[in-house]
Amino acid sequence: MVDDVAFTIFPQRLWQMSRGDRSRLFALYRATFPRWQAMNREANGRRLYFERMVMYGRGPCNGNQLEWILSQYNSRSGVRRSMLQATTFDPERDHVASAQLGFPCLQQVSFELTPVGLVTNAF
């Protein structure tokens, strides 16, 4: 169960298959996402977290928020820290009148590179 939920946030198995090539990861994910969604249409009908981070539907890099973050971070020093955020909440899809909504509970993630490693905050 934990592995299944973790995969919705970051597809570690696909990253390993991509051998550290993020372009390959994103292409592989885009190509396989319809199958991941179809595996459990009831649970995945509102999509998956990683899908929303890399296939948001609008914005820079064709809606791939992670590519935007990484390309900006790698392009120069002094990138503002507030740029290192990706959202999963989308008002267009998620502002609905339902009394309860099981997805998304995760609304955004932020990243901070420290001397010890990458820190990720999830809200």
C-alpha atoms as a PDB file:
ATOM      1  CA  MET A   1       0.000   0.000   0.000  1.00  0.00           C
ATOM      2  CA  VAL A   2       2.750   2.476   0.936  1.00  0.00           C
ATOM      3  CA  ASP A   3       4.641   1.628  -2.264  1.00  0.00           C
ATOM      4  CA  ASP A   4       1.514   2.250  -4.333  1.00  0.00           C
ATOM      5  CA  VAL A   5       0.937   5.673  -2.790  1.00  0.00           C
ATOM      6  CA  ALA A   6       4.639   6.541  -3.050  1.00  0.00           C
ATOM      7  CA  PHE A   7       4.519   5.703  -6.770  1.00  0.00           C
ATOM      8  CA  THR A   8       1.745   8.281  -7.265  1.00  0.00           C
ATOM      9  CA  ILE A   9       4.136  10.943  -5.942  1.00  0.00           C
ATOM     10  CA  PHE A  10       7.361   9.745  -7.570  1.00  0.00           C
ATOM     11  CA  PRO A  11       7.675   6.703  -9.863  1.00  0.00           C
ATOM     12  CA  GLN A  12      10.985   5.358  -8.539  1.00  0.00           C
ATOM     13  CA  ARG A  13      10.841   2.247 -10.761  1.00  0.00           C
ATOM     14  CA  LEU A  14      10.539   4.399 -13.882  1.00  0.00           C
ATOM     15  CA  TRP A  15      13.422   6.591 -12.679  1.00  0.00           C
ATOM     16  CA  GLN A  16      15.584   3.478 -12.366  1.00  0.00           C
ATOM     17  CA  MET A  17      14.543   2.357 -15.848  1.00  0.00           C
ATOM     18  CA  SER A  18      15.453   5.836 -17.133  1.00  0.00           C
ATOM     19  CA  ARG A  19      18.972   5.474 -15.696  1.00  0.00           C
ATOM     20  CA  GLY A  20      18.985   8.982 -14.268  1.00  0.00           C
ATOM     21  CA  ASP A  21      17.899  10.681 -17.504  1.00  0.00           C
ATOM     22  CA  ARG A  22      15.015  12.964 -16.560  1.00  0.00           C
ATOM     23  CA  SER A  23      13.925  13.546 -20.169  1.00  0.00           C
ATOM     24  CA  ARG A  24      13.623   9.811 -20.574  1.00  0.00           C
ATOM     25  CA  LEU A  25      11.726   9.566 -17.268  1.00  0.00           C
ATOM     26  CA  PHE A  26       9.213  12.210 -18.327  1.00  0.00           C
ATOM     27  CA  ALA A  27       8.722  10.609 -21.766  1.00  0.00           C
ATOM     28  CA  LEU A  28       8.314   7.155 -20.262  1.00  0.00           C
ATOM     29  CA  TYR A  29       5.822   8.452 -17.719  1.00  0.00           C
ATOM     30  CA  ARG A  30       3.767  10.294 -20.364  1.00  0.00           C
ATOM     31  CA  ALA A  31       3.698   7.142 -22.496  1.00  0.00           C
ATOM     32  CA  THR A  32       2.674   4.826 -19.656  1.00  0.00           C
ATOM     33  CA  PHE A  33       0.374   7.105 -17.649  1.00  0.00           C
ATOM     34  CA  PRO A  34      -2.843   5.950 -19.361  1.00  0.00           C
ATOM     35  CA  ARG A  35      -2.055   2.372 -18.266  1.00  0.00           C
ATOM     36  CA  TRP A  36      -1.328   3.442 -14.670  1.00  0.00           C
ATOM     37  CA  GLN A  37      -4.607   5.310 -14.563  1.00  0.00           C
ATOM     38  CA  ALA A  38      -6.555   2.403 -16.081  1.00  0.00           C
ATOM     39  CA  MET A  39      -5.152  -0.056 -13.536  1.00  0.00           C
ATOM     40  CA  ASN A  40      -7.473   1.434 -10.931  1.00  0.00           C
ATOM     41  CA  ARG A  41      -9.902   3.806 -12.623  1.00  0.00           C
ATOM     42  CA  GLU A  42     -11.849   4.381  -9.385  1.00  0.00           C
ATOM     43  CA  ALA A  43      -8.800   5.465  -7.367  1.00  0.00           C
ATOM     44  CA  ASN A  44      -6.946   7.139 -10.248  1.00  0.00           C
ATOM     45  CA  GLY A  45      -9.870   8.866 -11.958  1.00  0.00           C
ATOM     46  CA  ARG A  46      -8.739  12.246 -10.687  1.00  0.00           C
ATOM     47  CA  ARG A  47      -5.208  11.403 -11.865  1.00  0.00           C
ATOM     48  CA  LEU A  48      -1.954  10.958  -9.913  1.00  0.00           C
ATOM     49  CA  TYR A  49       0.310  13.402  -8.099  1.00  0.00           C
ATOM     50  CA  PHE A  50       3.358  12.907 -10.321  1.00  0.00           C
ATOM     51  CA  GLU A  51       1.159  13.280 -13.397  1.00  0.00           C
ATOM     52  CA  ARG A  52       0.006  16.651 -12.118  1.00  0.00           C
ATOM     53  CA  MET A  53       3.601  17.725 -11.477  1.00  0.00           C
ATOM     54  CA  VAL A  54       4.843  16.786 -14.960  1.00  0.00           C
ATOM     55  CA  MET A  55       1.657  17.051 -17.049  1.00  0.00           C
ATOM     56  CA  TYR A  56      -0.170  19.927 -15.336  1.00  0.00           C
ATOM     57  CA  GLY A  57      -1.810  21.073 -18.554  1.00  0.00           C
ATOM     58  CA  ARG A  58      -0.475  24.609 -18.733  1.00  0.00           C
ATOM     59  CA  GLY A  59       2.536  26.696 -17.800  1.00  0.00           C
ATOM     60  CA  PRO A  60       6.203  26.691 -18.774  1.00  0.00           C
ATOM     61  CA  CYS A  61       7.739  23.529 -20.235  1.00  0.00           C
ATOM     62  CA  ASN A  62       4.294  22.411 -21.436  1.00  0.00           C
ATOM     63  CA  GLY A  63       3.103  22.091 -17.852  1.00  0.00           C
ATOM     64  CA  ASN A  64       6.057  20.016 -16.657  1.00  0.00           C
ATOM     65  CA  GLN A  65       6.663  21.787 -13.354  1.00  0.00           C
ATOM     66  CA  LEU A  66       9.595  19.547 -12.389  1.00  0.00           C
ATOM     67  CA  GLU A  67      11.398  20.218 -15.674  1.00  0.00           C
ATOM     68  CA  TRP A  68      10.872  23.959 -15.168  1.00  0.00           C
ATOM     69  CA  ILE A  69      12.259  23.792 -11.615  1.00  0.00           C
ATOM     70  CA  LEU A  70      15.282  21.713 -12.622  1.00  0.00           C
ATOM     71  CA  SER A  71      16.081  23.690 -15.769  1.00  0.00           C
ATOM     72  CA  GLN A  72      15.892  26.997 -13.911  1.00  0.00           C
ATOM     73  CA  TYR A  73      17.917  25.725 -10.969  1.00  0.00           C
ATOM     74  CA  ASN A  74      20.630  24.348 -13.265  1.00  0.00           C
ATOM     75  CA  SER A  75      20.721  27.381 -15.565  1.00  0.00           C
ATOM     76  CA  ARG A  76      22.178  29.879 -13.111  1.00  0.00           C
ATOM     77  CA  SER A  77      23.082  30.514  -9.521  1.00  0.00           C
ATOM     78  CA  GLY A  78      20.862  32.517  -7.250  1.00  0.00           C
ATOM     79  CA  VAL A  79      17.497  31.090  -8.294  1.00  0.00           C
ATOM     80  CA  ARG A  80      14.824  32.346  -5.929  1.00  0.00           C
ATOM     81  CA  ARG A  81      13.757  29.698  -3.450  1.00  0.00           C
ATOM     82  CA  SER A  82      10.046  30.283  -4.079  1.00  0.00           C
ATOM     83  CA  MET A  83      10.549  28.968  -7.625  1.00  0.00           C
ATOM     84  CA  LEU A  84      11.328  25.504  -6.288  1.00  0.00           C
ATOM     85  CA  GLN A  85       7.678  24.495  -5.800  1.00  0.00           C
ATOM     86  CA  ALA A  86       5.271  22.266  -7.676  1.00  0.00           C
ATOM     87  CA  THR A  87       1.533  22.203  -7.176  1.00  0.00           C
ATOM     88  CA  THR A  88      -0.842  19.294  -7.467  1.00  0.00           C
ATOM     89  CA  PHE A  89      -3.980  21.237  -6.588  1.00  0.00           C
ATOM     90  CA  ASP A  90      -5.718  22.628  -9.645  1.00  0.00           C
ATOM     91  CA  PRO A  91      -8.721  24.907  -8.999  1.00  0.00           C
ATOM     92  CA  GLU A  92     -10.086  24.126 -12.454  1.00  0.00           C
ATOM     93  CA  ARG A  93     -10.334  20.407 -11.588  1.00  0.00           C
ATOM     94  CA  ASP A  94     -10.523  20.440  -7.797  1.00  0.00           C
ATOM     95  CA  HIS A  95     -12.947  23.181  -6.817  1.00  0.00           C
ATOM     96  CA  VAL A  96     -16.010  20.962  -6.875  1.00  0.00           C
ATOM     97  CA  ALA A  97     -19.106  20.939  -4.682  1.00  0.00           C
ATOM     98  CA  SER A  98     -18.562  17.411  -3.294  1.00  0.00           C
ATOM     99  CA  ALA A  99     -18.767  17.135   0.495  1.00  0.00           C
ATOM    100  CA  GLN A 100     -15.565  15.069   0.509  1.00  0.00           C
ATOM    101  CA  LEU A 101     -12.855  14.678  -2.067  1.00  0.00           C
ATOM    102  CA  GLY A 102     -10.312  11.884  -1.657  1.00  0.00           C
ATOM    103  CA  PHE A 103      -7.825  13.378  -4.103  1.00  0.00           C
ATOM    104  CA  PRO A 104      -5.776  15.467  -3.975  1.00  0.00           C
ATOM    105  CA  CYS A 105      -4.823  15.572  -0.301  1.00  0.00           C
ATOM    106  CA  LEU A 106      -1.326  16.680  -1.293  1.00  0.00           C
ATOM    107  CA  GLN A 107      -1.561  20.223  -2.592  1.00  0.00           C
ATOM    108  CA  GLN A 108       2.068  21.147  -3.251  1.00  0.00           C
ATOM    109  CA  VAL A 109       5.693  20.214  -2.675  1.00  0.00           C
ATOM    110  CA  SER A 110       8.693  22.451  -2.227  1.00  0.00           C
ATOM    111  CA  PHE A 111      12.361  21.637  -2.571  1.00  0.00           C
ATOM    112  CA  GLU A 112      15.413  22.986  -0.763  1.00  0.00           C
ATOM    113  CA  LEU A 113      18.955  21.921  -1.553  1.00  0.00           C
ATOM    114  CA  THR A 114      21.049  21.878   1.630  1.00  0.00           C
ATOM    115  CA  PRO A 115      24.672  20.860   2.277  1.00  0.00           C
ATOM    116  CA  VAL A 116      23.345  17.503   3.538  1.00  0.00           C
ATOM    117  CA  GLY A 117      21.028  16.827   0.591  1.00  0.00           C
ATOM    118  CA  LEU A 118      17.634  17.621  -0.831  1.00  0.00           C
ATOM    119  CA  VAL A 119      14.849  18.518   1.589  1.00  0.00           C
ATOM    120  CA  THR A 120      11.287  18.130   0.335  1.00  0.00           C
ATOM    121  CA  ASN A 121       8.301  19.609   2.107  1.00  0.00           C
ATOM    122  CA  ALA A 122       4.845  18.324   1.275  1.00  0.00           C
ATOM    123  CA  PHE A 123       1.676  20.176   2.131  1.00  0.00           C
END
